[in-house]
């Protein structure tokens, strides 16, 4: 993990974001010698983490009804594909 001061980050934010996005690099940001943040690639959730989240935050009772209602607005289109 590379170290950057807050000033260095502010002067080179675009290139730092490129390094994170395209090369997977991570940075520790310091201000007055103290670490205040870490910047790195977005972590992808695992299926287990998603299931844990849903257990801790279940959909409200009207969720299924809302999904059905939203789907009723979707129109299936028949297509005339050439043979």
PDB file of N, CA and C in Angstrom:
ATOM      1  N   UNK A   1       0.858  -1.177   0.000  1.00  0.00           N
ATOM      2  CA  UNK A   1       0.000   0.000   0.000  1.00  0.00           C
ATOM      3  C   UNK A   1       0.901   1.235   0.000  1.00  0.00           C
ATOM      4  N   UNK A   2       0.612   2.139  -0.913  1.00  0.00           N
ATOM      5  CA  UNK A   2       1.403   3.361  -1.023  1.00  0.00           C
ATOM      6  C   UNK A   2       0.855   4.429  -0.080  1.00  0.00           C
ATOM      7  N   UNK A   3       1.737   5.285   0.406  1.00  0.00           N
ATOM      8  CA  UNK A   3       1.332   6.387   1.278  1.00  0.00           C
ATOM      9  C   UNK A   3       1.273   7.682   0.489  1.00  0.00           C
ATOM     10  N   UNK A   4       0.223   8.448   0.749  1.00  0.00           N
ATOM     11  CA  UNK A   4       0.072   9.771   0.139  1.00  0.00           C
ATOM     12  C   UNK A   4      -0.389  10.743   1.200  1.00  0.00           C
ATOM     13  N   UNK A   5       0.092  11.972   1.116  1.00  0.00           N
ATOM     14  CA  UNK A   5      -0.465  13.000   1.990  1.00  0.00           C
ATOM     15  C   UNK A   5      -1.768  13.486   1.344  1.00  0.00           C
ATOM     16  N   UNK A   6      -2.600  14.111   2.132  1.00  0.00           N
ATOM     17  CA  UNK A   6      -3.851  14.664   1.603  1.00  0.00           C
ATOM     18  C   UNK A   6      -3.550  15.678   0.501  1.00  0.00           C
ATOM     19  N   UNK A   7      -2.489  16.435   0.651  1.00  0.00           N
ATOM     20  CA  UNK A   7      -2.108  17.419  -0.366  1.00  0.00           C
ATOM     21  C   UNK A   7      -1.716  16.727  -1.663  1.00  0.00           C
ATOM     22  N   UNK A   8      -0.903  15.662  -1.567  1.00  0.00           N
ATOM     23  CA  UNK A   8      -0.513  14.916  -2.762  1.00  0.00           C
ATOM     24  C   UNK A   8      -1.745  14.322  -3.457  1.00  0.00           C
ATOM     25  N   UNK A   9      -2.677  13.807  -2.661  1.00  0.00           N
ATOM     26  CA  UNK A   9      -3.890  13.244  -3.233  1.00  0.00           C
ATOM     27  C   UNK A   9      -4.687  14.306  -3.975  1.00  0.00           C
ATOM     28  N   UNK A  10      -4.826  15.480  -3.367  1.00  0.00           N
ATOM     29  CA  UNK A  10      -5.619  16.535  -4.009  1.00  0.00           C
ATOM     30  C   UNK A  10      -4.981  16.999  -5.313  1.00  0.00           C
ATOM     31  N   UNK A  11      -3.669  16.936  -5.400  1.00  0.00           N
ATOM     32  CA  UNK A  11      -2.969  17.382  -6.608  1.00  0.00           C
ATOM     33  C   UNK A  11      -2.973  16.327  -7.715  1.00  0.00           C
ATOM     34  N   UNK A  12      -3.208  15.067  -7.350  1.00  0.00           N
ATOM     35  CA  UNK A  12      -3.098  14.001  -8.357  1.00  0.00           C
ATOM     36  C   UNK A  12      -4.267  13.016  -8.277  1.00  0.00           C
ATOM     37  N   UNK A  13      -5.433  13.510  -7.909  1.00  0.00           N
ATOM     38  CA  UNK A  13      -6.581  12.639  -7.706  1.00  0.00           C
ATOM     39  C   UNK A  13      -6.897  11.796  -8.933  1.00  0.00           C
ATOM     40  N   UNK A  14      -6.892  12.390 -10.105  1.00  0.00           N
ATOM     41  CA  UNK A  14      -7.237  11.645 -11.316  1.00  0.00           C
ATOM     42  C   UNK A  14      -6.284  10.475 -11.542  1.00  0.00           C
ATOM     43  N   UNK A  15      -4.999  10.696 -11.403  1.00  0.00           N
ATOM     44  CA  UNK A  15      -4.039   9.612 -11.637  1.00  0.00           C
ATOM     45  C   UNK A  15      -4.106   8.561 -10.529  1.00  0.00           C
ATOM     46  N   UNK A  16      -4.401   8.984  -9.313  1.00  0.00           N
ATOM     47  CA  UNK A  16      -4.558   8.026  -8.216  1.00  0.00           C
ATOM     48  C   UNK A  16      -5.780   7.149  -8.474  1.00  0.00           C
ATOM     49  N   UNK A  17      -6.888   7.749  -8.898  1.00  0.00           N
ATOM     50  CA  UNK A  17      -8.086   6.970  -9.212  1.00  0.00           C
ATOM     51  C   UNK A  17      -7.832   6.013 -10.377  1.00  0.00           C
ATOM     52  N   UNK A  18      -7.054   6.440 -11.357  1.00  0.00           N
ATOM     53  CA  UNK A  18      -6.681   5.535 -12.453  1.00  0.00           C
ATOM     54  C   UNK A  18      -5.897   4.341 -11.925  1.00  0.00           C
ATOM     55  N   UNK A  19      -4.953   4.597 -11.004  1.00  0.00           N
ATOM     56  CA  UNK A  19      -4.148   3.515 -10.430  1.00  0.00           C
ATOM     57  C   UNK A  19      -5.031   2.527  -9.665  1.00  0.00           C
ATOM     58  N   UNK A  20      -6.023   3.045  -8.962  1.00  0.00           N
ATOM     59  CA  UNK A  20      -6.943   2.180  -8.222  1.00  0.00           C
ATOM     60  C   UNK A  20      -7.800   1.375  -9.194  1.00  0.00           C
ATOM     61  N   UNK A  21      -8.406   2.063 -10.148  1.00  0.00           N
ATOM     62  CA  UNK A  21      -9.355   1.425 -11.055  1.00  0.00           C
ATOM     63  C   UNK A  21      -8.683   0.445 -12.011  1.00  0.00           C
ATOM     64  N   UNK A  22      -7.559   0.821 -12.592  1.00  0.00           N
ATOM     65  CA  UNK A  22      -6.969   0.024 -13.666  1.00  0.00           C
ATOM     66  C   UNK A  22      -5.863  -0.920 -13.212  1.00  0.00           C
ATOM     67  N   UNK A  23      -5.201  -0.594 -12.109  1.00  0.00           N
ATOM     68  CA  UNK A  23      -4.096  -1.441 -11.657  1.00  0.00           C
ATOM     69  C   UNK A  23      -4.343  -2.064 -10.296  1.00  0.00           C
ATOM     70  N   UNK A  24      -5.491  -1.758  -9.683  1.00  0.00           N
ATOM     71  CA  UNK A  24      -5.831  -2.363  -8.396  1.00  0.00           C
ATOM     72  C   UNK A  24      -4.971  -1.891  -7.241  1.00  0.00           C
ATOM     73  N   UNK A  25      -4.334  -0.734  -7.374  1.00  0.00           N
ATOM     74  CA  UNK A  25      -3.462  -0.234  -6.317  1.00  0.00           C
ATOM     75  C   UNK A  25      -4.282   0.321  -5.152  1.00  0.00           C
ATOM     76  N   UNK A  26      -3.669   0.339  -3.974  1.00  0.00           N
ATOM     77  CA  UNK A  26      -4.294   0.887  -2.768  1.00  0.00           C
ATOM     78  C   UNK A  26      -3.395   1.957  -2.177  1.00  0.00           C
ATOM     79  N   UNK A  27      -4.016   2.923  -1.511  1.00  0.00           N
ATOM     80  CA  UNK A  27      -3.280   4.047  -0.948  1.00  0.00           C
ATOM     81  C   UNK A  27      -3.739   4.319   0.479  1.00  0.00           C
ATOM     82  N   UNK A  28      -2.793   4.728   1.305  1.00  0.00           N
ATOM     83  CA  UNK A  28      -3.086   5.191   2.658  1.00  0.00           C
ATOM     84  C   UNK A  28      -2.898   6.706   2.636  1.00  0.00           C
ATOM     85  N   UNK A  29      -3.919   7.425   3.046  1.00  0.00           N
ATOM     86  CA  UNK A  29      -3.891   8.886   2.993  1.00  0.00           C
ATOM     87  C   UNK A  29      -3.609   9.427   4.393  1.00  0.00           C
ATOM     88  N   UNK A  30      -2.626  10.318   4.478  1.00  0.00           N
ATOM     89  CA  UNK A  30      -2.266  10.894   5.775  1.00  0.00           C
ATOM     90  C   UNK A  30      -2.472  12.401   5.762  1.00  0.00           C
ATOM     91  N   UNK A  31      -2.744  12.911   6.948  1.00  0.00           N
ATOM     92  CA  UNK A  31      -2.859  14.355   7.150  1.00  0.00           C
ATOM     93  C   UNK A  31      -2.128  14.652   8.456  1.00  0.00           C
ATOM     94  N   UNK A  32      -1.184  15.561   8.383  1.00  0.00           N
ATOM     95  CA  UNK A  32      -0.364  15.913   9.551  1.00  0.00           C
ATOM     96  C   UNK A  32       0.261  14.671  10.183  1.00  0.00           C
ATOM     97  N   UNK A  33       0.698  13.737   9.326  1.00  0.00           N
ATOM     98  CA  UNK A  33       1.381  12.543   9.799  1.00  0.00           C
ATOM     99  C   UNK A  33       0.470  11.441  10.332  1.00  0.00           C
ATOM    100  N   UNK A  34      -0.819  11.655  10.325  1.00  0.00           N
ATOM    101  CA  UNK A  34      -1.759  10.665  10.850  1.00  0.00           C
ATOM    102  C   UNK A  34      -2.593  10.083   9.711  1.00  0.00           C
ATOM    103  N   UNK A  35      -2.726   8.767   9.690  1.00  0.00           N
ATOM    104  CA  UNK A  35      -3.550   8.128   8.662  1.00  0.00           C
ATOM    105  C   UNK A  35      -5.006   8.485   8.902  1.00  0.00           C
ATOM    106  N   UNK A  36      -5.650   9.008   7.836  1.00  0.00           N
ATOM    107  CA  UNK A  36      -7.053   9.401   7.963  1.00  0.00           C
ATOM    108  C   UNK A  36      -7.968   8.583   7.062  1.00  0.00           C
ATOM    109  N   UNK A  37      -7.395   7.909   6.050  1.00  0.00           N
ATOM    110  CA  UNK A  37      -8.245   7.142   5.137  1.00  0.00           C
ATOM    111  C   UNK A  37      -7.395   6.154   4.351  1.00  0.00           C
ATOM    112  N   UNK A  38      -8.091   5.171   3.805  1.00  0.00           N
ATOM    113  CA  UNK A  38      -7.485   4.235   2.861  1.00  0.00           C
ATOM    114  C   UNK A  38      -8.328   4.264   1.600  1.00  0.00           C
ATOM    115  N   UNK A  39      -7.660   4.222   0.463  1.00  0.00           N
ATOM    116  CA  UNK A  39      -8.340   4.253  -0.821  1.00  0.00           C
ATOM    117  C   UNK A  39      -7.874   3.045  -1.611  1.00  0.00           C
ATOM    118  N   UNK A  40      -8.829   2.247  -2.071  1.00  0.00           N
ATOM    119  CA  UNK A  40      -8.475   1.056  -2.827  1.00  0.00           C
ATOM    120  C   UNK A  40      -9.626   0.605  -3.692  1.00  0.00           C
ATOM    121  N   UNK A  41      -9.403  -0.477  -4.443  1.00  0.00           N
ATOM    122  CA  UNK A  41     -10.450  -0.980  -5.321  1.00  0.00           C
ATOM    123  C   UNK A  41     -11.689  -1.386  -4.530  1.00  0.00           C
ATOM    124  N   UNK A  42     -12.814  -1.235  -5.177  1.00  0.00           N
ATOM    125  CA  UNK A  42     -14.073  -1.636  -4.567  1.00  0.00           C
ATOM    126  C   UNK A  42     -14.064  -3.139  -4.372  1.00  0.00           C
ATOM    127  N   UNK A  43     -14.441  -3.561  -3.189  1.00  0.00           N
ATOM    128  CA  UNK A  43     -14.485  -4.985  -2.871  1.00  0.00           C
ATOM    129  C   UNK A  43     -15.763  -5.588  -3.442  1.00  0.00           C
ATOM    130  N   UNK A  44     -15.629  -6.735  -4.095  1.00  0.00           N
ATOM    131  CA  UNK A  44     -16.793  -7.431  -4.615  1.00  0.00           C
ATOM    132  C   UNK A  44     -17.350  -8.322  -3.507  1.00  0.00           C
ATOM    133  N   UNK A  45     -18.645  -8.272  -3.339  1.00  0.00           N
ATOM    134  CA  UNK A  45     -19.296  -9.068  -2.296  1.00  0.00           C
ATOM    135  C   UNK A  45     -19.395 -10.521  -2.731  1.00  0.00           C
ATOM    136  N   UNK A  46     -19.263 -11.405  -1.759  1.00  0.00           N
ATOM    137  CA  UNK A  46     -19.463 -12.824  -2.022  1.00  0.00           C
ATOM    138  C   UNK A  46     -20.937 -13.156  -1.825  1.00  0.00           C
ATOM    139  N   UNK A  47     -21.344 -14.312  -2.296  1.00  0.00           N
ATOM    140  CA  UNK A  47     -22.727 -14.752  -2.104  1.00  0.00           C
ATOM    141  C   UNK A  47     -23.043 -14.838  -0.619  1.00  0.00           C
ATOM    142  N   UNK A  48     -22.093 -15.350   0.165  1.00  0.00           N
ATOM    143  CA  UNK A  48     -22.296 -15.455   1.612  1.00  0.00           C
ATOM    144  C   UNK A  48     -22.520 -14.098   2.256  1.00  0.00           C
ATOM    145  N   UNK A  49     -21.752 -13.102   1.824  1.00  0.00           N
ATOM    146  CA  UNK A  49     -21.929 -11.745   2.367  1.00  0.00           C
ATOM    147  C   UNK A  49     -23.289 -11.185   1.983  1.00  0.00           C
ATOM    148  N   UNK A  50     -23.724 -11.463   0.754  1.00  0.00           N
ATOM    149  CA  UNK A  50     -25.040 -11.010   0.320  1.00  0.00           C
ATOM    150  C   UNK A  50     -26.133 -11.664   1.160  1.00  0.00           C
ATOM    151  N   UNK A  51     -26.027 -12.962   1.383  1.00  0.00           N
ATOM    152  CA  UNK A  51     -27.024 -13.662   2.200  1.00  0.00           C
ATOM    153  C   UNK A  51     -27.034 -13.136   3.631  1.00  0.00           C
ATOM    154  N   UNK A  52     -25.848 -12.879   4.191  1.00  0.00           N
ATOM    155  CA  UNK A  52     -25.774 -12.302   5.544  1.00  0.00           C
ATOM    156  C   UNK A  52     -26.470 -10.950   5.583  1.00  0.00           C
ATOM    157  N   UNK A  53     -26.211 -10.130   4.554  1.00  0.00           N
ATOM    158  CA  UNK A  53     -26.843  -8.814   4.490  1.00  0.00           C
ATOM    159  C   UNK A  53     -28.360  -8.940   4.446  1.00  0.00           C
ATOM    160  N   UNK A  54     -28.854  -9.854   3.603  1.00  0.00           N
ATOM    161  CA  UNK A  54     -30.306 -10.026   3.487  1.00  0.00           C
ATOM    162  C   UNK A  54     -30.926 -10.566   4.771  1.00  0.00           C
ATOM    163  N   UNK A  55     -30.187 -11.401   5.500  1.00  0.00           N
ATOM    164  CA  UNK A  55     -30.691 -11.882   6.799  1.00  0.00           C
ATOM    165  C   UNK A  55     -30.795 -10.727   7.793  1.00  0.00           C
ATOM    166  N   UNK A  56     -29.810  -9.852   7.762  1.00  0.00           N
ATOM    167  CA  UNK A  56     -29.794  -8.714   8.690  1.00  0.00           C
ATOM    168  C   UNK A  56     -30.733  -7.596   8.249  1.00  0.00           C
ATOM    169  N   UNK A  57     -31.032  -7.536   6.963  1.00  0.00           N
ATOM    170  CA  UNK A  57     -31.867  -6.467   6.396  1.00  0.00           C
ATOM    171  C   UNK A  57     -32.913  -7.065   5.468  1.00  0.00           C
ATOM    172  N   UNK A  58     -33.873  -7.804   6.009  1.00  0.00           N
ATOM    173  CA  UNK A  58     -34.849  -8.453   5.133  1.00  0.00           C
ATOM    174  C   UNK A  58     -35.715  -7.424   4.423  1.00  0.00           C
ATOM    175  N   UNK A  59     -36.169  -7.782   3.207  1.00  0.00           N
ATOM    176  CA  UNK A  59     -37.068  -6.866   2.490  1.00  0.00           C
ATOM    177  C   UNK A  59     -38.339  -6.661   3.290  1.00  0.00           C
ATOM    178  N   UNK A  60     -38.946  -5.512   3.124  1.00  0.00           N
ATOM    179  CA  UNK A  60     -40.190  -5.264   3.848  1.00  0.00           C
ATOM    180  C   UNK A  60     -41.293  -6.161   3.284  1.00  0.00           C
ATOM    181  N   UNK A  61     -42.385  -6.347   4.008  1.00  0.00           N
ATOM    182  CA  UNK A  61     -43.434  -7.273   3.595  1.00  0.00           C
ATOM    183  C   UNK A  61     -44.053  -6.949   2.235  1.00  0.00           C
ATOM    184  N   UNK A  62     -43.973  -5.720   1.810  1.00  0.00           N
ATOM    185  CA  UNK A  62     -44.583  -5.333   0.539  1.00  0.00           C
ATOM    186  C   UNK A  62     -43.643  -5.477  -0.657  1.00  0.00           C
ATOM    187  N   UNK A  63     -42.431  -5.957  -0.424  1.00  0.00           N
ATOM    188  CA  UNK A  63     -41.431  -6.023  -1.479  1.00  0.00           C
ATOM    189  C   UNK A  63     -41.908  -6.880  -2.655  1.00  0.00           C
ATOM    190  N   UNK A  64     -42.377  -8.098  -2.383  1.00  0.00           N
ATOM    191  CA  UNK A  64     -42.814  -8.995  -3.461  1.00  0.00           C
ATOM    192  C   UNK A  64     -43.956  -8.361  -4.254  1.00  0.00           C
ATOM    193  N   UNK A  65     -44.877  -7.726  -3.566  1.00  0.00           N
ATOM    194  CA  UNK A  65     -45.990  -7.049  -4.246  1.00  0.00           C
ATOM    195  C   UNK A  65     -45.463  -5.935  -5.139  1.00  0.00           C
ATOM    196  N   UNK A  66     -44.501  -5.168  -4.622  1.00  0.00           N
ATOM    197  CA  UNK A  66     -43.930  -4.068  -5.399  1.00  0.00           C
ATOM    198  C   UNK A  66     -43.237  -4.586  -6.661  1.00  0.00           C
ATOM    199  N   UNK A  67     -42.525  -5.719  -6.541  1.00  0.00           N
ATOM    200  CA  UNK A  67     -41.843  -6.292  -7.706  1.00  0.00           C
ATOM    201  C   UNK A  67     -42.869  -6.754  -8.733  1.00  0.00           C
ATOM    202  N   UNK A  68     -43.909  -7.448  -8.280  1.00  0.00           N
ATOM    203  CA  UNK A  68     -44.959  -7.886  -9.205  1.00  0.00           C
ATOM    204  C   UNK A  68     -45.594  -6.688  -9.913  1.00  0.00           C
ATOM    205  N   UNK A  69     -45.870  -5.646  -9.150  1.00  0.00           N
ATOM    206  CA  UNK A  69     -46.473  -4.456  -9.740  1.00  0.00           C
ATOM    207  C   UNK A  69     -45.550  -3.818 -10.772  1.00  0.00           C
ATOM    208  N   UNK A  70     -44.268  -3.729 -10.453  1.00  0.00           N
ATOM    209  CA  UNK A  70     -43.300  -3.140 -11.383  1.00  0.00           C
ATOM    210  C   UNK A  70     -43.207  -3.978 -12.657  1.00  0.00           C
ATOM    211  N   UNK A  71     -43.250  -5.306 -12.507  1.00  0.00           N
ATOM    212  CA  UNK A  71     -43.176  -6.179 -13.679  1.00  0.00           C
ATOM    213  C   UNK A  71     -44.396  -6.032 -14.572  1.00  0.00           C
ATOM    214  N   UNK A  72     -45.518  -5.622 -13.993  1.00  0.00           N
ATOM    215  CA  UNK A  72     -46.725  -5.476 -14.801  1.00  0.00           C
ATOM    216  C   UNK A  72     -46.583  -4.331 -15.818  1.00  0.00           C
ATOM    217  N   UNK A  73     -45.629  -3.451 -15.590  1.00  0.00           N
ATOM    218  CA  UNK A  73     -45.409  -2.341 -16.517  1.00  0.00           C
ATOM    219  C   UNK A  73     -44.490  -2.721 -17.675  1.00  0.00           C
ATOM    220  N   UNK A  74     -43.850  -3.887 -17.576  1.00  0.00           N
ATOM    221  CA  UNK A  74     -42.941  -4.339 -18.625  1.00  0.00           C
ATOM    222  C   UNK A  74     -43.761  -4.995 -19.729  1.00  0.00           C
ATOM    223  N   UNK A  75     -43.524  -4.570 -20.937  1.00  0.00           N
ATOM    224  CA  UNK A  75     -44.263  -5.099 -22.070  1.00  0.00           C
ATOM    225  C   UNK A  75     -43.370  -6.058 -22.845  1.00  0.00           C
ATOM    226  N   UNK A  76     -43.856  -7.294 -22.999  1.00  0.00           N
ATOM    227  CA  UNK A  76     -43.127  -8.249 -23.834  1.00  0.00           C
ATOM    228  C   UNK A  76     -43.353  -7.877 -25.286  1.00  0.00           C
ATOM    229  N   UNK A  77     -42.286  -7.902 -26.058  1.00  0.00           N
ATOM    230  CA  UNK A  77     -42.411  -7.572 -27.468  1.00  0.00           C
ATOM    231  C   UNK A  77     -42.153  -8.822 -28.299  1.00  0.00           C
ATOM    232  N   UNK A  78     -43.040  -9.061 -29.227  1.00  0.00           N
ATOM    233  CA  UNK A  78     -42.788 -10.142 -30.166  1.00  0.00           C
ATOM    234  C   UNK A  78     -41.918  -9.588 -31.278  1.00  0.00           C
ATOM    235  N   UNK A  79     -40.978 -10.391 -31.707  1.00  0.00           N
ATOM    236  CA  UNK A  79     -40.059  -9.928 -32.755  1.00  0.00           C
ATOM    237  C   UNK A  79     -40.250 -10.804 -33.990  1.00  0.00           C
ATOM    238  N   UNK A  80     -40.167 -10.188 -35.097  1.00  0.00           N
ATOM    239  CA  UNK A  80     -40.250 -10.886 -36.370  1.00  0.00           C
ATOM    240  C   UNK A  80     -38.822 -11.089 -36.887  1.00  0.00           C
ATOM    241  N   UNK A  81     -38.195 -12.181 -36.498  1.00  0.00           N
ATOM    242  CA  UNK A  81     -36.813 -12.451 -36.910  1.00  0.00           C
ATOM    243  C   UNK A  81     -36.831 -13.054 -38.306  1.00  0.00           C
ATOM    244  N   UNK A  82     -35.953 -12.626 -39.167  1.00  0.00           N
ATOM    245  CA  UNK A  82     -35.874 -13.225 -40.508  1.00  0.00           C
ATOM    246  C   UNK A  82     -35.367 -14.664 -40.419  1.00  0.00           C
ATOM    247  N   UNK A  83     -35.935 -15.525 -41.251  1.00  0.00           N
ATOM    248  CA  UNK A  83     -35.507 -16.936 -41.290  1.00  0.00           C
ATOM    249  C   UNK A  83     -34.254 -17.130 -42.103  1.00  0.00           C
TER     250      UNK A  83
END
